[in-house]
Amino acid sequence: MTRRIIFIAALALLSAPVFAQYTTFSPEELIRFTPKNTYERFDDGRPRVPDSILERMKEVSIEEAWGVLRRHGFNNQFEGDWMNLHPDRILVGRALTASFIPKRPDLDDVTNEIGKERKDVGGQNSWVIDRLQENDVIVIDLFGKVEDGTFAGDNLANAIAAKTHAGMVINGGVRDLDGIFELPNFCTFVKGVHPTAIANVTLLGVNTPVKIGAAVVMPGDVVLGRPEGVIFIPPHFAEEVCSSSENIRLRDEFGHLRLQQGKYTPGEIDRKWSDEIEKDFEQWKQEREKK
């Protein structure tokens, strides 16, 4: 009887589906690699930071977010040196990640076979776009490649914009610049522009950790892009980042008001506040909230 049970179990394992590369984290794997997430999750396992927090995040500065992350030892979350196509706009959304590597024909053939099995349509870059949802930011590691590394032109950028209403962060290039410029309510951070189409690369992973310059990005991270660059905020710090930023802005408002009133000197405000000023601030804040 024991041998029969073992034989049946072995058959079951052999008949179980095998998911080869290109790699996609399963929902269970994403849950395991983002254990501190306190929010709901998408069906693919990504943390779903609430839209209300994303809206508050639009007021946060890079420095304010950086300060919170550094206090917690997260020192590799910012990447600068971008070509920001819409510097007058703020990018906020949830990361959906993908990475590419230089093409190796045998690996690329298998990747294309898997794409057919999964019923992926079009080029490998399109496979990633098909997964996007509203308020996602597509974050692509193309290892800084610009020539033959143009992840999107105006057609794919329009598809990304229609699905996300947010933007894209491409550690590589784009093409058809005029068409991308025209997209409303859309932000684009890239390393460069080139007329070539994407070529000689292979999709390695989707919804997996990626390296974007100096930053490490996990699926579901909150993406904050401003003129200085892009910072990637783990979901379990999103609320703290927003609250810290809001407190800083309140303190600035209070300090400016008291300076204009002449109640305190610049030397008193532009340093660690005394107990008297802290008490005054808390009373002012309560009165402000009532109004």
C-alpha atoms as a PDB file:
ATOM      1  CA  MET A   1       0.000   0.000   0.000  1.00  0.00           C
ATOM      2  CA  THR A   2       2.802   2.418   0.898  1.00  0.00           C
ATOM      3  CA  ARG A   3       4.538   1.859  -2.455  1.00  0.00           C
ATOM      4  CA  ARG A   4       1.237   2.481  -4.254  1.00  0.00           C
ATOM      5  CA  ILE A   5       0.751   5.831  -2.441  1.00  0.00           C
ATOM      6  CA  ILE A   6       4.304   6.912  -3.283  1.00  0.00           C
ATOM      7  CA  PHE A   7       3.791   5.938  -6.940  1.00  0.00           C
ATOM      8  CA  ILE A   8       0.524   7.933  -7.168  1.00  0.00           C
ATOM      9  CA  ALA A   9       2.192  10.958  -5.525  1.00  0.00           C
ATOM     10  CA  ALA A  10       5.055  10.774  -8.025  1.00  0.00           C
ATOM     11  CA  LEU A  11       2.611  10.682 -10.926  1.00  0.00           C
ATOM     12  CA  ALA A  12       0.843  13.731  -9.509  1.00  0.00           C
ATOM     13  CA  LEU A  13       4.105  15.664  -9.353  1.00  0.00           C
ATOM     14  CA  LEU A  14       5.001  14.697 -12.900  1.00  0.00           C
ATOM     15  CA  SER A  15       1.613  15.805 -14.182  1.00  0.00           C
ATOM     16  CA  ALA A  16       1.640  19.131 -12.270  1.00  0.00           C
ATOM     17  CA  PRO A  17       2.115  22.244 -14.431  1.00  0.00           C
ATOM     18  CA  VAL A  18       5.694  23.512 -14.669  1.00  0.00           C
ATOM     19  CA  PHE A  19       6.254  27.254 -15.007  1.00  0.00           C
ATOM     20  CA  ALA A  20       9.635  27.886 -16.572  1.00  0.00           C
ATOM     21  CA  GLN A  21      11.368  31.154 -17.404  1.00  0.00           C
ATOM     22  CA  TYR A  22      10.594  33.883 -18.264  1.00  0.00           C
ATOM     23  CA  THR A  23      10.105  34.317 -14.530  1.00  0.00           C
ATOM     24  CA  THR A  24       6.928  35.654 -13.009  1.00  0.00           C
ATOM     25  CA  PHE A  25       6.520  35.686  -9.256  1.00  0.00           C
ATOM     26  CA  SER A  26       3.437  33.749  -8.226  1.00  0.00           C
ATOM     27  CA  PRO A  27       1.041  35.477  -5.797  1.00  0.00           C
ATOM     28  CA  GLU A  28       2.399  33.252  -3.043  1.00  0.00           C
ATOM     29  CA  GLU A  29       5.985  34.262  -3.826  1.00  0.00           C
ATOM     30  CA  LEU A  30       5.098  37.955  -3.855  1.00  0.00           C
ATOM     31  CA  ILE A  31       3.382  37.589  -0.482  1.00  0.00           C
ATOM     32  CA  ARG A  32       6.490  35.891   0.864  1.00  0.00           C
ATOM     33  CA  PHE A  33       8.815  38.615  -0.450  1.00  0.00           C
ATOM     34  CA  THR A  34       6.611  41.493   0.783  1.00  0.00           C
ATOM     35  CA  PRO A  35       5.677  40.216   4.265  1.00  0.00           C
ATOM     36  CA  LYS A  36       5.376  43.661   5.870  1.00  0.00           C
ATOM     37  CA  ASN A  37       2.621  44.827   3.554  1.00  0.00           C
ATOM     38  CA  THR A  38      -0.503  45.745   5.555  1.00  0.00           C
ATOM     39  CA  TYR A  39      -2.825  46.469   2.634  1.00  0.00           C
ATOM     40  CA  GLU A  40      -4.969  44.388   0.331  1.00  0.00           C
ATOM     41  CA  ARG A  41      -3.332  42.765  -2.671  1.00  0.00           C
ATOM     42  CA  PHE A  42      -4.031  42.433  -6.365  1.00  0.00           C
ATOM     43  CA  ASP A  43      -4.753  38.979  -7.749  1.00  0.00           C
ATOM     44  CA  ASP A  44      -1.109  38.791  -8.864  1.00  0.00           C
ATOM     45  CA  GLY A  45       0.031  39.244  -5.253  1.00  0.00           C
ATOM     46  CA  ARG A  46       1.232  42.839  -5.505  1.00  0.00           C
ATOM     47  CA  PRO A  47       0.514  45.051  -2.482  1.00  0.00           C
ATOM     48  CA  ARG A  48      -2.361  47.428  -3.238  1.00  0.00           C
ATOM     49  CA  VAL A  49      -1.544  50.687  -1.499  1.00  0.00           C
ATOM     50  CA  PRO A  50      -4.887  52.574  -1.323  1.00  0.00           C
ATOM     51  CA  ASP A  51      -5.658  55.285  -3.856  1.00  0.00           C
ATOM     52  CA  SER A  52      -6.153  57.722  -0.961  1.00  0.00           C
ATOM     53  CA  ILE A  53      -2.487  57.335   0.005  1.00  0.00           C
ATOM     54  CA  LEU A  54      -1.393  57.701  -3.620  1.00  0.00           C
ATOM     55  CA  GLU A  55      -3.282  60.988  -3.747  1.00  0.00           C
ATOM     56  CA  ARG A  56      -1.575  62.247  -0.576  1.00  0.00           C
ATOM     57  CA  MET A  57       1.790  61.122  -1.962  1.00  0.00           C
ATOM     58  CA  LYS A  58       1.537  63.715  -4.747  1.00  0.00           C
ATOM     59  CA  GLU A  59       2.366  66.421  -2.174  1.00  0.00           C
ATOM     60  CA  VAL A  60       5.457  64.630  -0.812  1.00  0.00           C
ATOM     61  CA  SER A  61       8.928  65.813  -1.764  1.00  0.00           C
ATOM     62  CA  ILE A  62      11.742  63.443  -2.686  1.00  0.00           C
ATOM     63  CA  GLU A  63      13.717  64.656   0.341  1.00  0.00           C
ATOM     64  CA  GLU A  64      10.832  63.956   2.722  1.00  0.00           C
ATOM     65  CA  ALA A  65      10.389  60.418   1.404  1.00  0.00           C
ATOM     66  CA  TRP A  66      14.156  59.888   1.410  1.00  0.00           C
ATOM     67  CA  GLY A  67      14.401  60.939   5.059  1.00  0.00           C
ATOM     68  CA  VAL A  68      11.849  58.352   6.208  1.00  0.00           C
ATOM     69  CA  LEU A  69      13.420  55.540   4.189  1.00  0.00           C
ATOM     70  CA  ARG A  70      16.935  56.372   5.393  1.00  0.00           C
ATOM     71  CA  ARG A  71      15.778  56.274   9.022  1.00  0.00           C
ATOM     72  CA  HIS A  72      14.675  52.697   8.418  1.00  0.00           C
ATOM     73  CA  GLY A  73      17.903  51.698   6.655  1.00  0.00           C
ATOM     74  CA  PHE A  74      16.473  51.670   3.120  1.00  0.00           C
ATOM     75  CA  ASN A  75      19.355  53.422   1.392  1.00  0.00           C
ATOM     76  CA  ASN A  76      18.954  52.170  -2.181  1.00  0.00           C
ATOM     77  CA  GLN A  77      15.541  53.487  -3.229  1.00  0.00           C
ATOM     78  CA  PHE A  78      16.381  56.604  -5.284  1.00  0.00           C
ATOM     79  CA  GLU A  79      17.606  57.006  -8.843  1.00  0.00           C
ATOM     80  CA  GLY A  80      18.422  60.354 -10.439  1.00  0.00           C
ATOM     81  CA  ASP A  81      19.941  61.320 -13.804  1.00  0.00           C
ATOM     82  CA  TRP A  82      16.781  60.903 -15.872  1.00  0.00           C
ATOM     83  CA  MET A  83      15.439  62.406 -19.034  1.00  0.00           C
ATOM     84  CA  ASN A  84      12.114  63.624 -17.613  1.00  0.00           C
ATOM     85  CA  LEU A  85       9.759  64.228 -20.534  1.00  0.00           C
ATOM     86  CA  HIS A  86       7.125  65.975 -18.403  1.00  0.00           C
ATOM     87  CA  PRO A  87       9.009  67.912 -15.676  1.00  0.00           C
ATOM     88  CA  ASP A  88       5.910  69.938 -14.797  1.00  0.00           C
ATOM     89  CA  ARG A  89       4.068  66.784 -13.673  1.00  0.00           C
ATOM     90  CA  ILE A  90       4.319  64.547 -10.599  1.00  0.00           C
ATOM     91  CA  LEU A  91       4.420  60.783 -11.093  1.00  0.00           C
ATOM     92  CA  VAL A  92       2.728  58.612  -8.456  1.00  0.00           C
ATOM     93  CA  GLY A  93       1.552  55.011  -8.741  1.00  0.00           C
ATOM     94  CA  ARG A  94       2.156  51.360  -7.890  1.00  0.00           C
ATOM     95  CA  ALA A  95       5.107  49.608  -9.512  1.00  0.00           C
ATOM     96  CA  LEU A  96       4.644  46.780 -11.975  1.00  0.00           C
ATOM     97  CA  THR A  97       8.163  45.628 -12.767  1.00  0.00           C
ATOM     98  CA  ALA A  98       9.911  43.855 -15.611  1.00  0.00           C
ATOM     99  CA  SER A  99      13.523  43.216 -16.585  1.00  0.00           C
ATOM    100  CA  PHE A 100      15.332  42.457 -19.826  1.00  0.00           C
ATOM    101  CA  ILE A 101      18.777  41.055 -20.564  1.00  0.00           C
ATOM    102  CA  PRO A 102      20.899  41.074 -23.741  1.00  0.00           C
ATOM    103  CA  LYS A 103      19.549  38.532 -26.193  1.00  0.00           C
ATOM    104  CA  ARG A 104      20.893  35.002 -26.155  1.00  0.00           C
ATOM    105  CA  PRO A 105      19.163  33.059 -28.979  1.00  0.00           C
ATOM    106  CA  ASP A 106      18.551  29.759 -27.176  1.00  0.00           C
ATOM    107  CA  LEU A 107      17.094  31.519 -24.133  1.00  0.00           C
ATOM    108  CA  ASP A 108      15.062  33.845 -26.325  1.00  0.00           C
ATOM    109  CA  ASP A 109      13.561  30.898 -28.223  1.00  0.00           C
ATOM    110  CA  VAL A 110      12.367  29.302 -24.990  1.00  0.00           C
ATOM    111  CA  THR A 111      10.989  32.607 -23.754  1.00  0.00           C
ATOM    112  CA  ASN A 112       8.967  32.979 -26.958  1.00  0.00           C
ATOM    113  CA  GLU A 113       7.677  29.402 -26.594  1.00  0.00           C
ATOM    114  CA  ILE A 114       6.513  30.167 -23.071  1.00  0.00           C
ATOM    115  CA  GLY A 115       4.871  33.350 -24.295  1.00  0.00           C
ATOM    116  CA  LYS A 116       2.859  31.308 -26.808  1.00  0.00           C
ATOM    117  CA  GLU A 117       1.871  28.830 -24.084  1.00  0.00           C
ATOM    118  CA  ARG A 118       0.658  31.702 -21.920  1.00  0.00           C
ATOM    119  CA  LYS A 119      -1.130  33.239 -24.916  1.00  0.00           C
ATOM    120  CA  ASP A 120       0.951  36.418 -24.743  1.00  0.00           C
ATOM    121  CA  VAL A 121       0.413  38.594 -27.814  1.00  0.00           C
ATOM    122  CA  GLY A 122       2.889  40.724 -29.778  1.00  0.00           C
ATOM    123  CA  GLY A 123       6.476  41.530 -28.857  1.00  0.00           C
ATOM    124  CA  GLN A 124       7.886  40.684 -25.462  1.00  0.00           C
ATOM    125  CA  ASN A 125       7.555  44.296 -24.316  1.00  0.00           C
ATOM    126  CA  SER A 126       3.817  44.102 -25.051  1.00  0.00           C
ATOM    127  CA  TRP A 127       3.473  41.115 -22.717  1.00  0.00           C
ATOM    128  CA  VAL A 128       4.301  43.373 -19.782  1.00  0.00           C
ATOM    129  CA  ILE A 129       1.879  46.124 -20.821  1.00  0.00           C
ATOM    130  CA  ASP A 130      -1.015  43.645 -20.991  1.00  0.00           C
ATOM    131  CA  ARG A 131      -0.738  43.160 -17.204  1.00  0.00           C
ATOM    132  CA  LEU A 132      -1.144  46.824 -16.259  1.00  0.00           C
ATOM    133  CA  GLN A 133      -4.019  48.238 -14.230  1.00  0.00           C
ATOM    134  CA  GLU A 134      -5.139  51.743 -13.300  1.00  0.00           C
ATOM    135  CA  ASN A 135      -2.623  53.716 -11.200  1.00  0.00           C
ATOM    136  CA  ASP A 136       0.174  51.287 -12.058  1.00  0.00           C
ATOM    137  CA  VAL A 137       3.572  52.635 -13.069  1.00  0.00           C
ATOM    138  CA  ILE A 138       5.445  50.328 -15.404  1.00  0.00           C
ATOM    139  CA  VAL A 139       9.061  50.083 -14.181  1.00  0.00           C
ATOM    140  CA  ILE A 140      11.389  48.511 -16.729  1.00  0.00           C
ATOM    141  CA  ASP A 141      15.025  47.485 -16.281  1.00  0.00           C
ATOM    142  CA  LEU A 142      16.628  47.641 -19.733  1.00  0.00           C
ATOM    143  CA  PHE A 143      20.093  47.920 -18.164  1.00  0.00           C
ATOM    144  CA  GLY A 144      20.413  51.516 -19.419  1.00  0.00           C
ATOM    145  CA  LYS A 145      20.239  50.543 -23.097  1.00  0.00           C
ATOM    146  CA  VAL A 146      18.940  53.322 -25.374  1.00  0.00           C
ATOM    147  CA  GLU A 147      19.836  52.373 -28.964  1.00  0.00           C
ATOM    148  CA  ASP A 148      17.808  49.213 -29.713  1.00  0.00           C
ATOM    149  CA  GLY A 149      16.569  49.565 -26.130  1.00  0.00           C
ATOM    150  CA  THR A 150      13.450  51.631 -26.784  1.00  0.00           C
ATOM    151  CA  PHE A 151      10.824  49.913 -24.678  1.00  0.00           C
ATOM    152  CA  ALA A 152       7.936  51.991 -26.048  1.00  0.00           C
ATOM    153  CA  GLY A 153       7.048  54.267 -28.923  1.00  0.00           C
ATOM    154  CA  ASP A 154       3.929  56.371 -29.185  1.00  0.00           C
ATOM    155  CA  ASN A 155       1.647  53.362 -29.783  1.00  0.00           C
ATOM    156  CA  LEU A 156       2.725  51.418 -26.703  1.00  0.00           C
ATOM    157  CA  ALA A 157       2.945  54.605 -24.643  1.00  0.00           C
ATOM    158  CA  ASN A 158      -0.684  55.306 -25.550  1.00  0.00           C
ATOM    159  CA  ALA A 159      -1.597  51.788 -24.423  1.00  0.00           C
ATOM    160  CA  ILE A 160       0.234  52.294 -21.109  1.00  0.00           C
ATOM    161  CA  ALA A 161      -1.441  55.671 -20.592  1.00  0.00           C
ATOM    162  CA  ALA A 162      -4.902  54.266 -21.340  1.00  0.00           C
ATOM    163  CA  LYS A 163      -4.458  51.440 -18.828  1.00  0.00           C
ATOM    164  CA  THR A 164      -2.716  53.302 -16.004  1.00  0.00           C
ATOM    165  CA  HIS A 165      -3.367  57.060 -16.288  1.00  0.00           C
ATOM    166  CA  ALA A 166       0.000  57.364 -14.522  1.00  0.00           C
ATOM    167  CA  GLY A 167       3.335  56.949 -16.291  1.00  0.00           C
ATOM    168  CA  MET A 168       6.410  54.870 -16.974  1.00  0.00           C
ATOM    169  CA  VAL A 169       9.957  54.577 -15.654  1.00  0.00           C
ATOM    170  CA  ILE A 170      12.286  53.041 -18.244  1.00  0.00           C
ATOM    171  CA  ASN A 171      15.931  52.308 -17.465  1.00  0.00           C
ATOM    172  CA  GLY A 172      16.462  52.381 -21.210  1.00  0.00           C
ATOM    173  CA  GLY A 173      15.006  54.319 -24.113  1.00  0.00           C
ATOM    174  CA  VAL A 174      11.839  55.352 -25.915  1.00  0.00           C
ATOM    175  CA  ARG A 175      11.095  56.455 -29.474  1.00  0.00           C
ATOM    176  CA  ASP A 176       8.423  58.546 -31.257  1.00  0.00           C
ATOM    177  CA  LEU A 177       9.005  61.385 -28.828  1.00  0.00           C
ATOM    178  CA  ASP A 178       6.420  63.775 -30.284  1.00  0.00           C
ATOM    179  CA  GLY A 179       3.611  61.290 -29.714  1.00  0.00           C
ATOM    180  CA  ILE A 180       4.646  60.646 -26.109  1.00  0.00           C
ATOM    181  CA  PHE A 181       4.906  64.371 -25.382  1.00  0.00           C
ATOM    182  CA  GLU A 182       1.262  64.807 -26.367  1.00  0.00           C
ATOM    183  CA  LEU A 183      -0.103  62.321 -23.820  1.00  0.00           C
ATOM    184  CA  PRO A 184      -2.134  64.146 -21.135  1.00  0.00           C
ATOM    185  CA  ASN A 185      -1.846  63.273 -17.427  1.00  0.00           C
ATOM    186  CA  PHE A 186       1.133  61.021 -18.102  1.00  0.00           C
ATOM    187  CA  CYS A 187       4.729  61.094 -16.872  1.00  0.00           C
ATOM    188  CA  THR A 188       7.786  59.546 -18.506  1.00  0.00           C
ATOM    189  CA  PHE A 189      11.243  58.999 -17.017  1.00  0.00           C
ATOM    190  CA  VAL A 190      13.788  57.461 -19.418  1.00  0.00           C
ATOM    191  CA  LYS A 191      17.538  57.350 -19.936  1.00  0.00           C
ATOM    192  CA  GLY A 192      17.389  58.556 -23.520  1.00  0.00           C
ATOM    193  CA  VAL A 193      15.619  58.659 -26.879  1.00  0.00           C
ATOM    194  CA  HIS A 194      16.528  56.867 -30.107  1.00  0.00           C
ATOM    195  CA  PRO A 195      14.737  56.186 -33.408  1.00  0.00           C
ATOM    196  CA  THR A 196      15.518  52.453 -33.352  1.00  0.00           C
ATOM    197  CA  ALA A 197      12.942  49.870 -32.291  1.00  0.00           C
ATOM    198  CA  ILE A 198      13.626  47.552 -29.372  1.00  0.00           C
ATOM    199  CA  ALA A 199      15.917  44.707 -30.484  1.00  0.00           C
ATOM    200  CA  ASN A 200      18.514  42.189 -29.330  1.00  0.00           C
ATOM    201  CA  VAL A 201      17.050  41.834 -25.824  1.00  0.00           C
ATOM    202  CA  THR A 202      15.076  39.110 -24.050  1.00  0.00           C
ATOM    203  CA  LEU A 203      12.434  39.479 -21.361  1.00  0.00           C
ATOM    204  CA  LEU A 204      13.801  37.952 -18.170  1.00  0.00           C
ATOM    205  CA  GLY A 205      11.150  38.591 -15.539  1.00  0.00           C
ATOM    206  CA  VAL A 206       7.805  40.230 -14.770  1.00  0.00           C
ATOM    207  CA  ASN A 207       6.614  41.178 -11.290  1.00  0.00           C
ATOM    208  CA  THR A 208      10.037  40.373  -9.863  1.00  0.00           C
ATOM    209  CA  PRO A 209      12.616  42.549  -8.082  1.00  0.00           C
ATOM    210  CA  VAL A 210      14.470  44.835 -10.488  1.00  0.00           C
ATOM    211  CA  LYS A 211      17.469  47.131 -10.295  1.00  0.00           C
ATOM    212  CA  ILE A 212      16.829  50.614 -11.690  1.00  0.00           C
ATOM    213  CA  GLY A 213      20.190  52.346 -11.658  1.00  0.00           C
ATOM    214  CA  ALA A 214      21.070  52.605  -7.970  1.00  0.00           C
ATOM    215  CA  ALA A 215      17.589  51.648  -6.767  1.00  0.00           C
ATOM    216  CA  VAL A 216      16.009  48.296  -5.934  1.00  0.00           C
ATOM    217  CA  VAL A 217      12.320  48.048  -6.805  1.00  0.00           C
ATOM    218  CA  MET A 218       9.741  45.495  -5.717  1.00  0.00           C
ATOM    219  CA  PRO A 219       6.367  44.966  -7.376  1.00  0.00           C
ATOM    220  CA  GLY A 220       3.805  47.119  -5.572  1.00  0.00           C
ATOM    221  CA  ASP A 221       6.274  49.766  -4.385  1.00  0.00           C
ATOM    222  CA  VAL A 222       4.890  53.289  -4.515  1.00  0.00           C
ATOM    223  CA  VAL A 223       6.665  55.185  -7.292  1.00  0.00           C
ATOM    224  CA  LEU A 224       7.207  58.918  -6.696  1.00  0.00           C
ATOM    225  CA  GLY A 225       8.762  60.853  -9.574  1.00  0.00           C
ATOM    226  CA  ARG A 226       9.609  64.539  -9.369  1.00  0.00           C
ATOM    227  CA  PRO A 227      12.116  66.803 -11.156  1.00  0.00           C
ATOM    228  CA  GLU A 228      14.963  65.497  -8.946  1.00  0.00           C
ATOM    229  CA  GLY A 229      14.390  61.875  -9.931  1.00  0.00           C
ATOM    230  CA  VAL A 230      12.403  58.823  -8.861  1.00  0.00           C
ATOM    231  CA  ILE A 231      12.124  57.214  -5.443  1.00  0.00           C
ATOM    232  CA  PHE A 232      10.559  53.807  -4.796  1.00  0.00           C
ATOM    233  CA  ILE A 233       8.730  53.504  -1.471  1.00  0.00           C
ATOM    234  CA  PRO A 234       7.977  50.084   0.045  1.00  0.00           C
ATOM    235  CA  PRO A 235       4.242  49.803   0.815  1.00  0.00           C
ATOM    236  CA  HIS A 236       4.716  49.466   4.571  1.00  0.00           C
ATOM    237  CA  PHE A 237       6.327  52.927   4.660  1.00  0.00           C
ATOM    238  CA  ALA A 238       3.795  54.715   2.428  1.00  0.00           C
ATOM    239  CA  GLU A 239       1.549  55.965   5.235  1.00  0.00           C
ATOM    240  CA  GLU A 240       4.517  57.081   7.350  1.00  0.00           C
ATOM    241  CA  VAL A 241       6.009  58.972   4.392  1.00  0.00           C
ATOM    242  CA  CYS A 242       2.736  60.836   3.816  1.00  0.00           C
ATOM    243  CA  SER A 243       2.156  61.600   7.503  1.00  0.00           C
ATOM    244  CA  SER A 244       5.734  62.783   7.997  1.00  0.00           C
ATOM    245  CA  SER A 245       5.483  65.060   4.967  1.00  0.00           C
ATOM    246  CA  GLU A 246       2.163  66.488   6.157  1.00  0.00           C
ATOM    247  CA  ASN A 247       3.620  67.184   9.586  1.00  0.00           C
ATOM    248  CA  ILE A 248       6.607  68.967   8.031  1.00  0.00           C
ATOM    249  CA  ARG A 249       4.294  71.142   5.940  1.00  0.00           C
ATOM    250  CA  LEU A 250       2.206  71.998   9.008  1.00  0.00           C
ATOM    251  CA  ARG A 251       5.319  72.966  10.936  1.00  0.00           C
ATOM    252  CA  ASP A 252       6.479  75.130   8.047  1.00  0.00           C
ATOM    253  CA  GLU A 253       3.090  76.846   7.883  1.00  0.00           C
ATOM    254  CA  PHE A 254       3.106  77.483  11.641  1.00  0.00           C
ATOM    255  CA  GLY A 255       6.715  78.689  11.664  1.00  0.00           C
ATOM    256  CA  HIS A 256       6.153  81.105   8.765  1.00  0.00           C
ATOM    257  CA  LEU A 257       3.029  82.460  10.454  1.00  0.00           C
ATOM    258  CA  ARG A 258       4.751  83.085  13.770  1.00  0.00           C
ATOM    259  CA  LEU A 259       7.710  84.708  12.033  1.00  0.00           C
ATOM    260  CA  GLN A 260       5.362  87.053  10.159  1.00  0.00           C
ATOM    261  CA  GLN A 261       3.625  87.851  13.448  1.00  0.00           C
ATOM    262  CA  GLY A 262       6.983  88.544  15.081  1.00  0.00           C
ATOM    263  CA  LYS A 263       6.200  86.179  17.948  1.00  0.00           C
ATOM    264  CA  TYR A 264       9.472  84.253  17.536  1.00  0.00           C
ATOM    265  CA  THR A 265      12.842  85.107  16.067  1.00  0.00           C
ATOM    266  CA  PRO A 266      14.351  83.290  13.056  1.00  0.00           C
ATOM    267  CA  GLY A 267      16.916  81.751  15.387  1.00  0.00           C
ATOM    268  CA  GLU A 268      14.143  80.235  17.504  1.00  0.00           C
ATOM    269  CA  ILE A 269      12.235  78.789  14.561  1.00  0.00           C
ATOM    270  CA  ASP A 270      15.175  77.620  12.439  1.00  0.00           C
ATOM    271  CA  ARG A 271      16.400  75.090  14.998  1.00  0.00           C
ATOM    272  CA  LYS A 272      14.974  72.451  17.334  1.00  0.00           C
ATOM    273  CA  TRP A 273      11.938  74.054  18.874  1.00  0.00           C
ATOM    274  CA  SER A 274      11.699  74.768  22.576  1.00  0.00           C
ATOM    275  CA  ASP A 275       8.978  73.207  24.730  1.00  0.00           C
ATOM    276  CA  GLU A 276       7.146  76.547  24.642  1.00  0.00           C
ATOM    277  CA  ILE A 277       7.052  76.602  20.820  1.00  0.00           C
ATOM    278  CA  GLU A 278       6.056  72.926  20.641  1.00  0.00           C
ATOM    279  CA  LYS A 279       3.149  73.615  23.004  1.00  0.00           C
ATOM    280  CA  ASP A 280       2.127  76.628  20.924  1.00  0.00           C
ATOM    281  CA  PHE A 281       2.312  74.515  17.766  1.00  0.00           C
ATOM    282  CA  GLU A 282       0.078  71.753  19.175  1.00  0.00           C
ATOM    283  CA  GLN A 283      -2.516  74.316  20.291  1.00  0.00           C
ATOM    284  CA  TRP A 284      -2.412  76.043  16.880  1.00  0.00           C
ATOM    285  CA  LYS A 285      -2.802  72.692  15.125  1.00  0.00           C
ATOM    286  CA  GLN A 286      -5.861  71.768  17.181  1.00  0.00           C
ATOM    287  CA  GLU A 287      -7.492  75.111  16.456  1.00  0.00           C
ATOM    288  CA  ARG A 288      -6.677  74.744  12.773  1.00  0.00           C
ATOM    289  CA  GLU A 289      -8.251  71.273  12.630  1.00  0.00           C
ATOM    290  CA  LYS A 290     -11.453  72.605  14.254  1.00  0.00           C
ATOM    291  CA  LYS A 291     -11.735  75.288  11.581  1.00  0.00           C
END
